[in-house]
Protein backbone atom coordinates (compact mmCIF):
# COMPACT_ATOMS: atom_id res chain seq x y z
CA UNK A 1 -156.39 -109.48 27.55
CA UNK A 2 -157.59 -111.26 30.67
CA UNK A 3 -160.68 -112.59 32.42
CA UNK A 4 -161.06 -109.24 34.19
CA UNK A 5 -161.93 -107.20 31.11
CA UNK A 6 -160.73 -103.62 30.96
CA UNK A 7 -159.49 -101.24 28.30
CA UNK A 8 -155.82 -101.59 27.46
CA UNK A 9 -153.86 -98.98 29.39
CA UNK A 10 -150.27 -97.97 29.85
CA UNK A 11 -149.46 -100.28 32.72
CA UNK A 12 -146.12 -100.24 34.49
CA UNK A 13 -144.54 -102.81 32.19
CA UNK A 14 -145.58 -100.85 29.11
CA UNK A 15 -144.18 -97.65 30.58
CA UNK A 16 -140.88 -99.27 31.48
CA UNK A 17 -140.63 -100.78 28.00
CA UNK A 18 -141.37 -97.52 26.22
CA UNK A 19 -139.19 -95.37 28.49
CA UNK A 20 -136.30 -97.78 28.03
CA UNK A 21 -136.79 -97.67 24.27
CA UNK A 22 -137.00 -93.86 24.19
CA UNK A 23 -133.97 -93.31 26.42
CA UNK A 24 -131.93 -95.89 24.53
CA UNK A 25 -132.81 -94.32 21.19
CA UNK A 26 -132.04 -90.78 22.38
CA UNK A 27 -128.74 -91.97 23.83
CA UNK A 28 -127.80 -93.61 20.52
CA UNK A 29 -128.71 -90.53 18.47
CA UNK A 30 -126.80 -88.25 20.83
CA UNK A 31 -123.73 -90.49 20.80
CA UNK A 32 -123.82 -90.91 17.01
CA UNK A 33 -124.18 -87.19 16.37
CA UNK A 34 -121.48 -86.29 18.88
CA UNK A 35 -118.93 -88.76 17.52
CA UNK A 36 -119.70 -87.91 13.90
CA UNK A 37 -119.29 -84.16 14.47
CA UNK A 38 -116.06 -84.78 16.40
CA UNK A 39 -114.55 -86.94 13.65
CA UNK A 40 -116.11 -85.18 10.64
CA UNK A 41 -116.51 -81.49 11.55
CA UNK A 42 -117.13 -80.62 7.90
CA UNK A 43 -120.35 -82.68 7.71
CA UNK A 44 -123.57 -80.82 6.90
CA UNK A 45 -126.56 -80.89 9.24
CA UNK A 46 -128.71 -82.61 6.61
CA UNK A 47 -126.20 -85.40 6.02
CA UNK A 48 -125.72 -85.82 9.76
CA UNK A 49 -129.46 -86.28 10.33
CA UNK A 50 -129.79 -88.63 7.35
CA UNK A 51 -127.08 -90.87 8.75
CA UNK A 52 -128.23 -90.63 12.35
CA UNK A 53 -131.83 -91.61 11.61
CA UNK A 54 -130.82 -94.20 9.02
CA UNK A 55 -128.40 -96.04 11.28
CA UNK A 56 -130.89 -95.87 14.18
CA UNK A 57 -133.58 -97.46 11.98
CA UNK A 58 -131.17 -100.16 10.81
CA UNK A 59 -130.11 -100.95 14.38
CA UNK A 60 -133.74 -101.16 15.56
CA UNK A 61 -134.62 -103.40 12.59
CA UNK A 62 -131.89 -105.83 13.61
CA UNK A 63 -133.18 -105.83 17.19
CA UNK A 64 -136.78 -106.43 16.03
CA UNK A 65 -135.72 -109.41 13.92
CA UNK A 66 -133.49 -110.83 16.67
CA UNK A 67 -136.16 -110.87 19.38
CA UNK A 68 -138.09 -113.80 17.90
CA UNK A 69 -135.25 -116.34 17.76
CA UNK A 70 -133.83 -115.09 21.06
CA UNK A 71 -137.16 -115.86 22.74
CA UNK A 72 -137.16 -119.33 21.18
CA UNK A 73 -133.66 -119.93 22.56
CA UNK A 74 -134.17 -118.51 26.04
CA UNK A 75 -137.40 -117.57 27.81
CA UNK A 76 -135.62 -114.76 29.67
CA UNK A 77 -135.87 -112.71 26.47
CA UNK A 78 -139.68 -112.90 26.48
CA UNK A 79 -140.07 -109.44 28.10
CA UNK A 80 -138.55 -107.99 24.91
CA UNK A 81 -141.39 -109.53 22.94
CA UNK A 82 -143.96 -107.66 25.01
CA UNK A 83 -144.96 -104.63 22.91
CA UNK A 84 -142.43 -105.44 20.21
CA UNK A 85 -144.80 -103.58 17.92
CA UNK A 86 -143.87 -100.35 19.76
CA UNK A 87 -140.29 -101.10 18.78
CA UNK A 88 -141.34 -101.71 15.18
CA UNK A 89 -143.33 -98.47 14.94
CA UNK A 90 -140.39 -96.53 16.40
CA UNK A 91 -138.12 -98.14 13.83
CA UNK A 92 -140.49 -97.05 11.05
CA UNK A 93 -140.47 -93.46 12.36
CA UNK A 94 -136.66 -93.42 12.26
CA UNK A 95 -136.71 -94.86 8.72
CA UNK A 96 -139.33 -92.30 7.68
CA UNK A 97 -137.23 -89.43 9.06
CA UNK A 98 -134.21 -90.80 7.19
CA UNK A 99 -136.22 -90.97 3.96
CA UNK A 100 -137.76 -87.52 4.34
CA UNK A 101 -134.42 -85.80 4.94
CA UNK A 102 -132.86 -87.73 2.04
CA UNK A 103 -135.62 -86.63 -0.34
CA UNK A 104 -135.34 -83.03 0.86
CA UNK A 105 -131.58 -82.95 0.29
CA UNK A 106 -131.35 -84.84 -2.99
CA UNK A 107 -134.70 -84.60 -4.80
CA UNK A 108 -136.73 -81.61 -3.62
CA UNK A 109 -135.37 -79.02 -6.05
CA UNK A 110 -135.56 -81.14 -9.21
CA UNK A 111 -138.08 -80.61 -12.03
CA UNK A 112 -139.97 -83.81 -11.16
CA UNK A 113 -142.08 -84.74 -8.17
CA UNK A 114 -139.57 -85.80 -5.47
CA UNK A 115 -140.98 -89.33 -5.15
CA UNK A 116 -141.04 -89.76 -8.93
CA UNK A 117 -137.47 -88.50 -9.09
CA UNK A 118 -136.44 -91.18 -6.55
CA UNK A 119 -137.82 -93.84 -8.87
CA UNK A 120 -136.63 -92.55 -12.26
CA UNK A 121 -133.78 -90.19 -11.45
CA UNK A 122 -131.18 -92.92 -11.89
CA UNK A 123 -131.69 -95.69 -14.47
CA UNK A 124 -128.19 -97.22 -14.45
CA UNK A 125 -129.34 -100.67 -13.38
CA UNK A 126 -126.55 -102.36 -15.32
CA UNK A 127 -123.75 -100.70 -13.34
CA UNK A 128 -123.28 -102.07 -9.83
CA UNK A 129 -121.20 -99.08 -8.73
CA UNK A 130 -123.97 -96.71 -9.86
CA UNK A 131 -127.00 -98.92 -9.19
CA UNK A 132 -130.12 -96.88 -8.17
CA UNK A 133 -130.24 -97.94 -4.54
CA UNK A 134 -132.75 -95.32 -3.39
CA UNK A 135 -135.84 -97.04 -4.92
CA UNK A 136 -134.92 -100.10 -2.84
CA UNK A 137 -135.06 -98.01 0.31
CA UNK A 138 -138.38 -96.48 -0.76
CA UNK A 139 -139.86 -99.95 -1.33
CA UNK A 140 -138.67 -101.07 2.11
CA UNK A 141 -140.16 -97.94 3.66
CA UNK A 142 -143.51 -98.76 2.01
CA UNK A 143 -143.52 -102.22 3.60
CA UNK A 144 -142.56 -100.82 7.00
CA UNK A 145 -145.34 -98.23 6.71
CA UNK A 146 -147.88 -100.96 5.96
CA UNK A 147 -146.72 -102.91 9.01
CA UNK A 148 -146.74 -99.86 11.30
CA UNK A 149 -150.20 -98.81 10.07
CA UNK A 150 -151.65 -102.26 10.81
CA UNK A 151 -149.83 -102.84 14.09
CA UNK A 152 -152.89 -102.17 16.27
CA UNK A 153 -155.01 -105.13 17.39
CA UNK A 154 -157.95 -103.62 15.49
CA UNK A 155 -156.29 -104.75 12.27
CA UNK A 156 -155.30 -108.08 13.75
CA UNK A 157 -158.94 -108.80 14.62
CA UNK A 158 -160.34 -107.65 11.28
CA UNK A 159 -157.70 -109.16 9.01
CA UNK A 160 -157.59 -112.44 11.01
CA UNK A 161 -154.45 -113.77 12.66
CA UNK A 162 -153.15 -115.77 9.64
CA UNK A 163 -153.53 -112.83 7.22
CA UNK A 164 -152.06 -110.37 9.72
CA UNK A 165 -149.14 -112.69 10.39
CA UNK A 166 -148.47 -113.16 6.68
CA UNK A 167 -148.55 -109.42 6.16
CA UNK A 168 -146.06 -108.80 8.93
CA UNK A 169 -143.75 -111.53 7.67
CA UNK A 170 -142.96 -109.06 4.88
CA UNK A 171 -140.50 -107.57 7.34
CA UNK A 172 -137.95 -110.07 6.01
CA UNK A 173 -138.44 -108.75 2.47
CA UNK A 174 -138.06 -105.22 3.86
CA UNK A 175 -134.86 -106.27 5.60
CA UNK A 176 -133.44 -107.64 2.35
CA UNK A 177 -134.31 -104.40 0.55
CA UNK A 178 -132.75 -102.34 3.34
CA UNK A 179 -129.52 -104.36 3.26
CA UNK A 180 -129.29 -103.93 -0.52
CA UNK A 181 -130.10 -100.22 -0.18
CA UNK A 182 -127.39 -99.65 2.42
CA UNK A 183 -124.78 -101.90 0.78
CA UNK A 184 -125.14 -100.26 -2.63
CA UNK A 185 -125.12 -96.82 -1.04
CA UNK A 186 -121.89 -97.63 0.79
CA UNK A 187 -120.31 -98.85 -2.45
CA UNK A 188 -121.10 -95.55 -4.11
CA UNK A 189 -120.41 -93.00 -1.39
CA UNK A 190 -118.16 -94.56 1.27
CA UNK A 191 -114.72 -96.10 1.25
CA UNK A 192 -114.53 -97.34 4.85
CA UNK A 193 -114.53 -101.18 5.03
CA UNK A 194 -115.76 -100.96 8.64
CA UNK A 195 -119.25 -100.03 7.43
CA UNK A 196 -119.40 -103.07 5.17
CA UNK A 197 -118.09 -105.28 7.99
CA UNK A 198 -120.74 -103.99 10.41
CA UNK A 199 -123.54 -104.57 7.89
CA UNK A 200 -122.28 -108.08 7.18
CA UNK A 201 -121.93 -108.82 10.89
CA UNK A 202 -125.53 -107.77 11.50
CA UNK A 203 -126.85 -110.02 8.74
CA UNK A 204 -124.70 -112.94 9.84
CA UNK A 205 -125.87 -112.54 13.44
CA UNK A 206 -129.54 -112.63 12.43
CA UNK A 207 -129.01 -115.62 10.16
CA UNK A 208 -127.14 -117.49 12.90
CA UNK A 209 -129.85 -116.78 15.49
CA UNK A 210 -132.64 -117.98 13.20
CA UNK A 211 -130.76 -121.12 12.18
CA UNK A 212 -129.88 -121.87 15.80
CA UNK A 213 -133.49 -121.45 16.91
CA UNK A 214 -134.70 -123.66 14.03
CA UNK A 215 -132.14 -126.32 14.93
CA UNK A 216 -133.20 -126.25 18.58
CA UNK A 217 -136.86 -126.76 17.61
CA UNK A 218 -136.30 -129.42 14.96
CA UNK A 219 -137.44 -132.16 17.35
CA UNK A 220 -140.76 -130.44 18.05
CA UNK A 221 -141.59 -130.45 14.34
CA UNK A 222 -141.15 -134.21 13.92
CA UNK A 223 -144.68 -135.46 13.49
CA UNK A 224 -145.58 -138.40 15.73
CA UNK A 225 -148.29 -139.68 13.38
CA UNK A 226 -150.39 -138.98 10.32
CA UNK A 227 -153.89 -137.51 10.33
CA UNK A 228 -155.55 -140.86 9.63
CA UNK A 229 -154.29 -142.44 12.86
CA UNK A 230 -157.19 -142.89 15.26
CA UNK A 231 -155.28 -142.33 18.51
CA UNK A 232 -151.66 -141.26 18.91
CA UNK A 233 -149.49 -141.91 21.95
CA UNK A 234 -147.84 -138.51 22.47
CA UNK A 235 -146.19 -138.67 25.91
CA UNK A 236 -146.42 -139.90 29.48
CA UNK A 237 -148.52 -138.05 32.03
CA UNK A 238 -145.39 -137.53 34.12
CA UNK A 239 -143.74 -135.73 31.21
CA UNK A 240 -146.05 -132.78 31.83
CA UNK A 241 -145.50 -130.50 34.82
CA UNK A 242 -148.52 -129.39 36.84
CA UNK A 243 -150.19 -126.26 35.42
CA UNK A 244 -147.82 -126.42 32.45
CA UNK A 245 -147.99 -127.55 28.84
CA UNK A 246 -146.03 -129.81 26.54
CA UNK A 247 -145.76 -129.19 22.79
CA UNK A 248 -145.89 -132.13 20.36
CA UNK A 249 -146.47 -132.36 16.62
CA UNK A 250 -149.18 -134.70 15.37
CA UNK A 251 -150.21 -134.92 11.72
CA UNK A 252 -148.09 -131.88 10.95
CA UNK A 253 -149.75 -129.65 13.56
CA UNK A 254 -148.31 -128.54 16.88
CA UNK A 255 -150.52 -129.39 19.84
CA UNK A 256 -150.36 -128.06 23.40
CA UNK A 257 -151.03 -130.70 26.09
CA UNK A 258 -151.84 -129.27 29.51
CA UNK A 259 -151.93 -130.93 32.92
CA UNK A 260 -153.96 -129.25 35.64
CA UNK A 261 -155.94 -130.26 38.74
CA UNK A 262 -155.69 -133.96 37.94
CA UNK A 263 -156.81 -133.50 34.32
CA UNK A 264 -155.32 -133.44 30.83
CA UNK A 265 -156.59 -131.25 27.98
CA UNK A 266 -155.24 -130.75 24.47
CA UNK A 267 -155.47 -127.57 22.41
CA UNK A 268 -153.94 -126.14 19.28
CA UNK A 269 -150.56 -124.64 20.11
CA UNK A 270 -151.31 -121.49 18.09
CA UNK A 271 -152.65 -118.42 19.91
CA UNK A 272 -155.19 -116.47 17.88
CA UNK A 273 -153.58 -113.17 18.80
CA UNK A 274 -150.19 -113.36 17.09
CA UNK A 275 -149.69 -117.12 16.66
CA UNK A 276 -147.87 -117.34 20.00
CA UNK A 277 -146.85 -120.79 21.34
CA UNK A 278 -149.56 -121.63 23.89
CA UNK A 279 -147.81 -124.82 24.98
CA UNK A 280 -144.97 -122.75 26.37
CA UNK A 281 -147.37 -120.89 28.63
CA UNK A 282 -148.98 -122.02 31.87
CA UNK A 283 -152.38 -122.27 33.50
CA UNK A 284 -153.25 -119.38 35.81
CA UNK A 285 -156.61 -119.10 37.57
CA UNK A 286 -157.95 -121.93 35.43
CA UNK A 287 -156.96 -120.41 32.07
CA UNK A 288 -154.17 -121.21 29.63
CA UNK A 289 -152.08 -118.03 29.37
CA UNK A 290 -150.09 -117.35 26.20
CA UNK A 291 -146.49 -116.47 27.12
CA UNK A 292 -146.26 -113.76 24.49
CA UNK A 293 -149.00 -111.29 25.36
CA UNK A 294 -151.12 -112.93 28.06
CA UNK A 295 -154.13 -114.00 25.98
CA UNK A 296 -156.22 -116.58 27.85
CA UNK A 297 -158.14 -119.71 26.85
CA UNK A 298 -160.23 -122.26 28.73
CA UNK A 299 -158.30 -125.55 28.56
CA UNK A 300 -161.41 -127.72 28.08
CA UNK A 301 -162.93 -125.80 25.16
CA UNK A 302 -160.29 -123.44 23.74
CA UNK A 303 -162.49 -120.35 24.13
CA UNK A 304 -161.36 -117.04 25.60
CA UNK A 305 -163.15 -115.70 28.68
CA UNK A 306 -166.01 -113.27 28.05
CA UNK A 307 -166.29 -110.68 26.60
CA UNK A 308 -163.53 -111.88 24.25
CA UNK A 309 -164.36 -114.19 21.35
CA UNK A 310 -161.02 -115.76 20.34
CA UNK A 311 -161.29 -119.54 19.96
CA UNK A 312 -158.79 -122.27 19.09
CA UNK A 313 -159.29 -125.92 18.06
CA UNK A 314 -159.49 -128.65 20.69
CA UNK A 315 -158.56 -132.34 20.50
CA UNK A 316 -160.04 -135.49 22.00
CA UNK A 317 -157.77 -137.01 24.64
CA UNK A 318 -157.70 -140.15 26.80
CA UNK A 319 -155.25 -141.93 29.09
CA UNK A 320 -154.01 -145.51 28.90
CA UNK A 321 -151.51 -146.87 31.48
CA UNK A 322 -150.36 -143.37 32.34
CA UNK A 323 -149.83 -142.54 28.65
CA UNK A 324 -151.54 -139.59 26.90
CA UNK A 325 -153.37 -140.57 23.71
CA UNK A 326 -154.70 -137.88 21.35
CA UNK A 327 -157.05 -138.05 18.39
CA UNK A 328 -155.19 -136.08 15.68
CA UNK A 329 -158.37 -134.76 14.08
CA UNK A 330 -159.07 -131.26 15.43
CA UNK A 331 -162.48 -130.18 16.62
CA UNK A 332 -163.93 -126.86 15.55
CA UNK A 333 -162.50 -123.90 17.49
CA UNK A 334 -164.21 -123.53 20.85
CA UNK A 335 -165.60 -127.09 20.94
CA UNK A 336 -165.87 -128.38 24.54
CA UNK A 337 -163.98 -131.64 25.18
CA UNK A 338 -164.12 -133.58 28.43
CA UNK A 339 -160.61 -133.62 29.96
CA UNK A 340 -158.92 -136.97 30.57
CA UNK A 341 -158.78 -137.69 34.33
CA UNK A 342 -155.48 -138.76 35.83
CA UNK A 343 -155.82 -141.96 37.86
CA UNK A 344 -155.33 -141.41 41.56
CA UNK A 345 -156.06 -137.68 41.41
CA UNK A 346 -158.98 -136.09 43.33
CA UNK A 347 -160.72 -135.39 40.02
CA UNK A 348 -160.59 -139.08 39.07
CA UNK A 349 -161.91 -140.22 42.39
């Protein structure tokens, strides 16, 4: 999305992203199949495909969940966030292929409907070594389908950003179901400790990344004041780089303070597209640009350029002895607010 409105197309960055994803996935599948056939020549084609697609989906799921904290830790990972939904949809396709081949091999010829047989074919819930792990995988696949089906911005716009975000946070529930599905399956059908070690290493890596990112951002979540404070001293003017933002938390809400052309404006830090951190973006051509997907907002009113209609809350701001003071009570999204003028700047004069 930008001020020069045009239909979304497959620009060069999108093509590079998708080609890299496709080639990487094909390389993985080829390597996995080749090594598996070389080490287990007795394996059937169905089992080979089940394992190839299943491990590919699990690997992609780990990558999807790692991108968020990696971007919080280092901005150089932000290009991975661009079109992460393509990565998620690809992961779902791999998981779907894994599920379809599993149902064909293990449930197609039974007297019951294959999906029903997945759910009721094994009822030994009291035996860990025989626990029915396949329903867990089916439940995870249902969540991943829901996410893939609503990945387009059409659903984001119609469901609203908070609802869409909450829906897609179910990926963590899906991950838990997938881990249980794989772990219980390994306990029942495999004896190699390496598989368990790899699964544990993946979970530990994700947990470490999320905890590290949360620890790094703990300072940003320390509220500087309560909502009933009239004006809150949030920072010095010199703390904000030109055409850049600074993120602070006031009354439990993250605000983005921008300095540009001798002026200071304050907006909500939450982009209406996918809740991206606006304060980590910059001002380009007079618009605040979200670092995640390039959505733009006018710094003095929080409205997107026409013909777009996204709007975010604004905040009253003033300067006192080179300090930035903010009223913690948000204005309605899209409300114009006169920027505070920096003393000595051309705008102030």
